[in-house]
C-alpha cells in the first residue's frame, strides 16, 4: 500500500511539473522565441536538480527495500566465497563512490552553468592534466581489481588440500549427474560412445569392447552415481571435476559464490570448503525450505530454466550414513553381480532344497 501511494504521488508531482513547464512554454511563446528558450533553460536546470535529489533518494530507498533479497544479505556459505564477497564489496564501494560523485557533478553543473547573459562561455579543447587524471586513476583501480580476480580464480581452480573430497559433476540437457569414487578412491574410466541414457548415463567402461578397443576397467565397478542431489561434508574441502555430456553448461553455486563452465570433452575443476550444513543455513536464513542450489548459468536449450540441482551439506557422520546406503552404479546394469541379490538367490535356493527334501521324505 505504501509503495503504491509513493508511486501515485511521484506521478502526480511529475504531471504538475509537466503542466507548469507547458504553461510557461506557452507564455514564453507569446513573449517571443528568445524569452522562451531562456525560460526553458531555467526549467531544465531546475528539473536537473530535482531529478538528482529524487534519484539519489530512490537509490537509497531501493537499497534498503531490496538488499535483504540479494545474496549479499547472507555471508558466503564457503570459505573461498568470502574472497569473492570481499572483492565484490570493494568493487561496489569504488564504483558507488564514483557513481555518486559523478552524478552530483553532472546534474549540479547542468544547473549551475545554465545560460546566463552575464557570463561568457569558456572553451578549452585540450587539457593534459585532466586527460591523465581520468585515464590513469581508473586504470589503476581496474588493474587492482583484475589482479585480485585473477589471484582468486587461480586459487579456486587450483589443487585443493590433500584429503579433499572429489566429486565428478556432469551436465546434461537438462539436469546434473554426480559421481563419487568407491572404496578404492579412484574414478573409473569412461567413454562417450558407450553412454546409454537408461543403464550407463556416463559411459563407464564396464566390459570389453573389441569394436571400440576398450577393456573393462575394474575401478569403475564401485563408483557411486546420483542425479540432481550432491552430498558434501561441512568443513571439508571438496573438488569438483566438471564436464558435460552434450552442450556447454555452467556450474553455478551462488550461495558458495563460485561458478565455472562445463565443457564437453574438456574437464574443468573448482574446489571449495562448505561452512554451514543445510540445516544450519535454514536457521541462518530463517527459511525452513532453504536449499543450496546448483544451477546452469549458461543458456543450454529450451529446458535451461529447469536445470536445477540440490547440494546437501551434511556432517561427516551423516555423509557416511548416506554413502553406506548407496550401491555402485555397476550393479544397476548388472544386477546379477550384486552380492545382495546373490544372497537372496542362495537363500531361495536353500529354501527350495529344503522343500524338495521334505516332499521326498513325506513320500
Protein backbone atom coordinates (compact mmCIF):
# COMPACT_ATOMS: atom_id res chain seq x y z
CA UNK A 1 0.00 0.00 0.00
CA UNK A 2 2.78 2.43 0.96
CA UNK A 3 4.68 1.70 -2.26
CA UNK A 4 1.56 2.30 -4.36
CA UNK A 5 0.96 5.62 -2.59
CA UNK A 6 4.55 6.72 -3.23
CA UNK A 7 4.24 5.84 -6.92
CA UNK A 8 0.96 7.79 -7.22
CA UNK A 9 2.50 10.83 -5.51
CA UNK A 10 5.55 10.71 -7.81
CA UNK A 11 3.32 10.52 -10.89
CA UNK A 12 1.23 13.47 -9.68
CA UNK A 13 4.35 15.54 -9.00
CA UNK A 14 5.65 14.75 -12.48
CA UNK A 15 2.32 15.75 -14.04
CA UNK A 16 2.28 19.03 -12.09
CA UNK A 17 5.83 19.88 -13.16
CA UNK A 18 4.99 18.97 -16.75
CA UNK A 19 1.89 21.19 -16.75
CA UNK A 20 3.81 24.09 -15.22
CA UNK A 21 6.54 23.76 -17.83
CA UNK A 22 4.00 23.62 -20.66
CA UNK A 23 2.18 26.67 -19.33
CA UNK A 24 5.50 28.52 -19.04
CA UNK A 25 6.31 27.49 -22.61
CA UNK A 26 3.02 28.91 -23.92
CA UNK A 27 3.61 32.17 -22.09
CA UNK A 28 7.15 32.34 -23.44
CA UNK A 29 5.90 31.86 -26.99
CA UNK A 30 3.69 34.88 -26.56
CA UNK A 31 6.65 36.92 -25.31
CA UNK A 32 8.99 35.77 -28.06
CA UNK A 33 11.27 32.91 -29.07
CA UNK A 34 14.35 34.22 -27.23
CA UNK A 35 12.48 34.51 -23.94
CA UNK A 36 11.01 31.06 -24.49
CA UNK A 37 14.44 29.49 -24.87
CA UNK A 38 15.80 31.16 -21.75
CA UNK A 39 12.77 30.19 -19.72
CA UNK A 40 13.00 26.59 -20.89
CA UNK A 41 16.67 26.55 -19.98
CA UNK A 42 15.91 27.61 -16.40
CA UNK A 43 13.17 25.00 -16.07
CA UNK A 44 15.54 22.28 -17.33
CA UNK A 45 18.16 23.37 -14.81
CA UNK A 46 15.62 23.14 -12.00
CA UNK A 47 14.46 19.72 -13.22
CA UNK A 48 18.09 18.50 -13.24
CA UNK A 49 18.47 19.29 -9.52
CA UNK A 50 15.06 17.76 -8.80
CA UNK A 51 15.96 14.59 -10.67
CA UNK A 52 19.30 14.40 -8.82
CA UNK A 53 17.67 14.61 -5.38
CA UNK A 54 14.81 12.25 -6.23
CA UNK A 55 17.20 9.82 -7.95
CA UNK A 56 19.61 9.60 -5.01
CA UNK A 57 16.70 9.15 -2.60
CA UNK A 58 15.36 6.41 -4.89
CA UNK A 59 18.73 4.63 -4.91
CA UNK A 60 18.88 4.72 -1.11
CA UNK A 61 15.26 3.58 -0.77
CA UNK A 62 15.59 0.69 -3.24
CA UNK A 63 18.77 -0.48 -1.49
CA UNK A 64 17.01 -0.57 1.88
CA UNK A 65 13.95 -2.24 0.38
CA UNK A 66 15.64 -4.93 -1.73
CA UNK A 67 19.02 -5.60 -0.11
CA UNK A 68 17.54 -8.41 2.01
CA UNK A 69 16.62 -10.27 -1.19
CA UNK A 70 20.16 -10.27 -2.56
CA UNK A 71 22.84 -12.88 -1.94
CA UNK A 72 24.94 -10.32 -0.06
CA UNK A 73 22.41 -10.25 2.78
CA UNK A 74 23.81 -13.63 3.90
CA UNK A 75 27.50 -14.44 4.20
CA UNK A 76 29.11 -16.78 1.70
CA UNK A 77 28.48 -20.44 2.52
CA UNK A 78 32.05 -21.36 1.60
CA UNK A 79 35.44 -20.26 2.89
CA UNK A 80 36.64 -19.47 -0.63
CA UNK A 81 33.49 -17.47 -1.35
CA UNK A 82 34.50 -14.98 1.33
CA UNK A 83 37.18 -13.77 -1.06
CA UNK A 84 34.56 -13.17 -3.73
CA UNK A 85 32.40 -11.23 -1.26
CA UNK A 86 35.36 -9.07 -0.25
CA UNK A 87 36.21 -8.39 -3.89
CA UNK A 88 32.57 -7.56 -4.65
CA UNK A 89 32.31 -5.16 -1.70
CA UNK A 90 35.48 -3.38 -2.80
CA UNK A 91 34.11 -3.08 -6.33
CA UNK A 92 30.75 -1.80 -5.11
CA UNK A 93 32.43 0.71 -2.81
CA UNK A 94 34.71 2.12 -5.51
CA UNK A 95 32.04 2.24 -8.22
CA UNK A 96 29.42 3.50 -5.74
CA UNK A 97 31.56 6.44 -4.65
CA UNK A 98 32.39 7.26 -8.28
CA UNK A 99 28.72 6.99 -9.24
CA UNK A 100 27.52 9.37 -6.52
CA UNK A 101 30.29 11.94 -7.15
CA UNK A 102 29.84 11.94 -10.94
CA UNK A 103 26.03 12.18 -10.74
CA UNK A 104 26.19 15.08 -8.31
CA UNK A 105 28.69 16.88 -10.53
CA UNK A 106 26.75 16.11 -13.71
CA UNK A 107 23.37 17.43 -12.60
CA UNK A 108 24.63 20.27 -10.40
CA UNK A 109 26.83 21.54 -13.26
CA UNK A 110 23.82 21.47 -15.58
CA UNK A 111 22.03 23.75 -13.12
CA UNK A 112 24.95 25.97 -12.10
CA UNK A 113 26.25 26.63 -15.59
CA UNK A 114 22.98 27.19 -17.37
CA UNK A 115 22.80 30.03 -19.86
CA UNK A 116 23.37 33.42 -18.31
CA UNK A 117 23.64 36.77 -20.09
CA UNK A 118 26.20 37.96 -17.51
CA UNK A 119 28.58 35.03 -18.07
CA UNK A 120 30.67 34.13 -21.07
CA UNK A 121 31.28 30.51 -22.11
CA UNK A 122 34.89 29.36 -21.88
CA UNK A 123 36.01 26.58 -24.24
CA UNK A 124 39.20 24.57 -23.92
CA UNK A 125 39.72 21.78 -26.47
CA UNK A 126 42.58 20.04 -24.67
CA UNK A 127 43.89 19.59 -21.14
CA UNK A 128 46.73 17.15 -20.46
CA UNK A 129 46.28 17.11 -16.68
CA UNK A 130 42.59 16.19 -16.89
CA UNK A 131 43.17 13.52 -19.51
CA UNK A 132 45.96 11.93 -17.47
CA UNK A 133 43.77 12.07 -14.36
CA UNK A 134 40.69 10.37 -15.83
CA UNK A 135 42.83 7.80 -17.68
CA UNK A 136 45.43 6.81 -15.07
CA UNK A 137 43.23 6.73 -11.97
CA UNK A 138 40.55 4.37 -13.43
CA UNK A 139 43.34 2.24 -14.96
CA UNK A 140 44.98 1.80 -11.54
CA UNK A 141 41.71 0.79 -9.87
CA UNK A 142 40.78 -1.59 -12.68
CA UNK A 143 44.24 -3.18 -12.63
CA UNK A 144 43.98 -3.81 -8.88
CA UNK A 145 40.53 -5.39 -9.30
CA UNK A 146 41.68 -7.56 -12.22
CA UNK A 147 44.75 -8.79 -10.31
CA UNK A 148 42.56 -9.63 -7.30
CA UNK A 149 40.16 -11.52 -9.55
CA UNK A 150 42.91 -13.50 -11.27
CA UNK A 151 44.53 -14.48 -7.97
CA UNK A 152 41.22 -15.71 -6.63
CA UNK A 153 40.43 -17.54 -9.87
CA UNK A 154 43.75 -19.41 -9.86
CA UNK A 155 43.17 -20.26 -6.20
CA UNK A 156 39.66 -21.68 -6.77
CA UNK A 157 40.64 -23.67 -9.84
CA UNK A 158 43.98 -24.89 -8.47
CA UNK A 159 44.67 -28.01 -6.46
CA UNK A 160 42.81 -28.38 -3.14
CA UNK A 161 44.46 -29.52 0.09
CA UNK A 162 45.33 -33.21 0.44
CA UNK A 163 42.45 -35.39 1.57
CA UNK A 164 39.84 -33.29 -0.19
CA UNK A 165 36.61 -34.99 -1.24
CA UNK A 166 36.34 -35.46 -5.01
CA UNK A 167 33.06 -35.43 -6.92
CA UNK A 168 32.58 -35.55 -10.66
CA UNK A 169 29.83 -33.25 -11.92
CA UNK A 170 28.40 -33.85 -15.40
CA UNK A 171 25.87 -31.55 -17.01
CA UNK A 172 23.28 -32.82 -19.44
CA UNK A 173 20.15 -31.46 -21.03
CA UNK A 174 18.59 -30.72 -18.57
CA UNK A 175 19.99 -32.00 -15.29
CA UNK A 176 23.09 -32.96 -13.31
CA UNK A 177 24.83 -36.28 -12.73
CA UNK A 178 27.17 -36.70 -9.76
CA UNK A 179 29.77 -39.46 -9.44
CA UNK A 180 31.71 -40.45 -6.31
CA UNK A 181 34.69 -42.82 -6.26
CA UNK A 182 34.01 -46.09 -4.47
CA UNK A 183 36.04 -47.78 -1.76
CA UNK A 184 39.13 -47.80 -3.98
CA UNK A 185 39.08 -43.98 -4.05
CA UNK A 186 39.62 -43.94 -7.83
CA UNK A 187 37.25 -42.83 -10.58
CA UNK A 188 36.80 -45.45 -13.27
CA UNK A 189 37.38 -44.61 -16.91
CA UNK A 190 34.53 -43.63 -19.20
CA UNK A 191 33.97 -43.22 -22.92
CA UNK A 192 31.24 -41.19 -24.54
CA UNK A 193 30.44 -43.79 -27.21
CA UNK A 194 29.19 -46.30 -24.63
CA UNK A 195 26.77 -43.83 -23.00
CA UNK A 196 23.33 -45.30 -22.54
CA UNK A 197 20.69 -42.97 -21.12
CA UNK A 198 18.97 -45.85 -19.38
CA UNK A 199 21.71 -48.01 -17.87
CA UNK A 200 25.01 -46.16 -18.31
CA UNK A 201 24.39 -42.41 -18.31
CA UNK A 202 28.10 -41.53 -18.01
CA UNK A 203 29.56 -44.13 -20.38
CA UNK A 204 31.57 -46.02 -17.75
CA UNK A 205 33.71 -48.81 -19.18
CA UNK A 206 32.30 -51.92 -17.53
CA UNK A 207 33.24 -54.58 -20.06
CA UNK A 208 35.49 -55.29 -23.01
CA UNK A 209 34.51 -53.82 -26.35
CA UNK A 210 36.63 -55.03 -29.25
CA UNK A 211 34.97 -52.65 -31.74
CA UNK A 212 35.97 -49.61 -29.70
CA UNK A 213 39.22 -51.14 -28.46
CA UNK A 214 38.09 -50.84 -24.83
CA UNK A 215 38.98 -53.06 -21.89
CA UNK A 216 36.92 -53.49 -18.77
CA UNK A 217 38.06 -51.04 -16.06
CA UNK A 218 37.68 -52.59 -12.57
CA UNK A 219 37.96 -49.14 -10.95
CA UNK A 220 34.58 -48.23 -12.44
CA UNK A 221 32.76 -51.12 -10.79
CA UNK A 222 32.39 -49.47 -7.38
CA UNK A 223 31.70 -45.85 -8.45
CA UNK A 224 28.57 -44.28 -6.97
CA UNK A 225 26.33 -42.27 -9.31
CA UNK A 226 23.47 -39.99 -8.25
CA UNK A 227 21.36 -37.47 -10.10
CA UNK A 228 20.17 -33.98 -9.15
CA UNK A 229 21.36 -34.08 -5.49
CA UNK A 230 25.00 -33.81 -4.45
CA UNK A 231 26.20 -34.57 -0.92
CA UNK A 232 29.22 -32.75 0.51
CA UNK A 233 30.69 -32.52 4.01
CA UNK A 234 30.85 -29.39 6.14
CA UNK A 235 34.38 -28.01 6.77
CA UNK A 236 35.90 -30.49 4.32
CA UNK A 237 37.37 -29.25 1.02
CA UNK A 238 35.56 -30.67 -2.00
CA UNK A 239 36.99 -30.72 -5.51
CA UNK A 240 34.53 -30.73 -8.39
CA UNK A 241 35.67 -32.32 -11.65
CA UNK A 242 33.27 -30.78 -14.14
CA UNK A 243 32.24 -31.86 -17.62
CA UNK A 244 29.28 -32.04 -19.98
CA UNK A 245 27.56 -34.84 -21.84
CA UNK A 246 26.17 -32.71 -24.67
CA UNK A 247 26.38 -28.89 -24.92
CA UNK A 248 28.18 -26.25 -22.86
CA UNK A 249 26.64 -25.82 -19.41
CA UNK A 250 27.84 -23.81 -16.43
CA UNK A 251 28.03 -24.94 -12.81
CA UNK A 252 26.67 -22.04 -10.76
CA UNK A 253 27.00 -22.26 -6.98
CA UNK A 254 25.51 -18.93 -5.99
CA UNK A 255 25.44 -19.48 -2.21
CA UNK A 256 29.10 -20.54 -2.35
CA UNK A 257 29.95 -17.62 -4.72
CA UNK A 258 31.55 -19.85 -7.36
CA UNK A 259 30.90 -20.83 -10.95
CA UNK A 260 32.69 -22.32 -13.94
CA UNK A 261 31.83 -23.78 -17.34
CA UNK A 262 31.04 -27.42 -18.02
CA UNK A 263 32.52 -28.09 -21.46
CA UNK A 264 32.12 -31.33 -23.47
CA UNK A 265 35.43 -33.19 -23.69
CA UNK A 266 37.38 -30.63 -21.62
CA UNK A 267 37.20 -31.27 -17.86
CA UNK A 268 37.37 -28.18 -15.64
CA UNK A 269 37.93 -28.14 -11.89
CA UNK A 270 36.92 -26.00 -8.94
CA UNK A 271 37.09 -26.51 -5.19
CA UNK A 272 35.58 -25.01 -2.07
CA UNK A 273 35.06 -25.69 1.63
CA UNK A 274 31.44 -25.52 2.89
CA UNK A 275 30.99 -23.52 6.10
CA UNK A 276 27.42 -24.40 7.11
CA UNK A 277 25.29 -27.51 6.81
CA UNK A 278 21.94 -27.24 5.07
CA UNK A 279 20.18 -27.41 8.45
CA UNK A 280 22.35 -24.61 9.84
CA UNK A 281 21.65 -22.46 6.79
CA UNK A 282 17.91 -22.90 7.29
CA UNK A 283 18.30 -21.25 10.69
CA UNK A 284 20.66 -18.53 9.44
CA UNK A 285 18.27 -17.54 6.64
CA UNK A 286 15.18 -18.18 8.77
CA UNK A 287 13.86 -20.21 5.85
CA UNK A 288 12.76 -23.78 6.68
CA UNK A 289 12.67 -24.61 2.95
CA UNK A 290 16.19 -23.41 2.20
CA UNK A 291 18.27 -25.49 -0.20
CA UNK A 292 21.73 -24.99 -1.62
CA UNK A 293 21.35 -24.86 -5.39
CA UNK A 294 23.48 -25.85 -8.34
CA UNK A 295 22.19 -24.01 -11.37
CA UNK A 296 23.16 -23.87 -15.02
CA UNK A 297 24.38 -20.34 -15.71
CA UNK A 298 24.78 -20.87 -19.44
CA UNK A 299 21.89 -20.89 -21.90
CA UNK A 300 21.80 -24.53 -22.98
CA UNK A 301 18.46 -25.14 -24.69
CA UNK A 302 14.69 -25.00 -24.25
CA UNK A 303 14.78 -26.62 -20.82
CA UNK A 304 17.56 -24.41 -19.45
CA UNK A 305 15.20 -22.82 -16.89
CA UNK A 306 14.57 -26.20 -15.23
CA UNK A 307 18.21 -27.25 -14.89
CA UNK A 308 18.45 -27.02 -11.13
CA UNK A 309 20.20 -29.38 -8.75
CA UNK A 310 20.41 -29.54 -4.97
CA UNK A 311 23.51 -29.61 -2.77
CA UNK A 312 23.11 -31.21 0.64
CA UNK A 313 25.81 -30.06 3.07
CA UNK A 314 25.95 -32.54 5.95
CA UNK A 315 28.24 -33.59 8.76
CA UNK A 316 30.83 -36.33 8.24
CA UNK A 317 28.68 -38.80 10.20
CA UNK A 318 25.60 -38.05 8.12
CA UNK A 319 27.61 -38.37 4.93
CA UNK A 320 28.99 -41.76 5.99
CA UNK A 321 25.45 -42.99 6.70
CA UNK A 322 24.23 -41.76 3.32
CA UNK A 323 27.19 -43.30 1.48
CA UNK A 324 26.66 -46.64 3.23
CA UNK A 325 23.17 -46.80 1.72
CA UNK A 326 24.41 -46.27 -1.84
CA UNK A 327 25.05 -49.07 -4.30
CA UNK A 328 27.67 -48.96 -7.04
CA UNK A 329 26.19 -47.87 -10.35
CA UNK A 330 27.64 -51.03 -11.88
CA UNK A 331 25.03 -53.17 -10.11
CA UNK A 332 22.16 -51.27 -11.73
CA UNK A 333 23.37 -52.51 -15.12
CA UNK A 334 24.42 -55.95 -13.89
CA UNK A 335 22.07 -56.85 -11.02
CA UNK A 336 23.14 -60.50 -11.19
CA UNK A 337 26.59 -59.42 -9.92
CA UNK A 338 25.16 -57.58 -6.92
CA UNK A 339 26.22 -59.55 -3.78
CA UNK A 340 22.95 -58.71 -2.07
CA UNK A 341 20.99 -60.27 -4.93
CA UNK A 342 23.20 -63.34 -4.81
CA UNK A 343 22.48 -63.77 -1.13
CA UNK A 344 18.79 -63.61 -1.84
CA UNK A 345 19.17 -66.15 -4.63
CA UNK A 346 21.15 -68.55 -2.39
CA UNK A 347 18.52 -68.22 0.32
CA UNK A 348 15.80 -69.06 -2.18
CA UNK A 349 17.81 -72.00 -3.44
CA UNK A 350 18.31 -73.31 0.10
CA UNK A 351 14.60 -72.97 0.82
CA UNK A 352 13.81 -74.81 -2.41
CA UNK A 353 16.18 -77.69 -1.49
CA UNK A 354 14.61 -77.97 1.96
CA UNK A 355 11.10 -78.02 0.47
CA UNK A 356 12.14 -80.70 -2.04
CA UNK A 357 13.69 -82.81 0.72
CA UNK A 358 10.55 -82.55 2.83
CA UNK A 359 8.42 -83.60 -0.12
CA UNK A 360 10.59 -86.68 -0.72
CA UNK A 361 10.55 -87.56 2.98
CA UNK A 362 6.77 -87.44 3.06
CA UNK A 363 6.55 -89.79 0.11
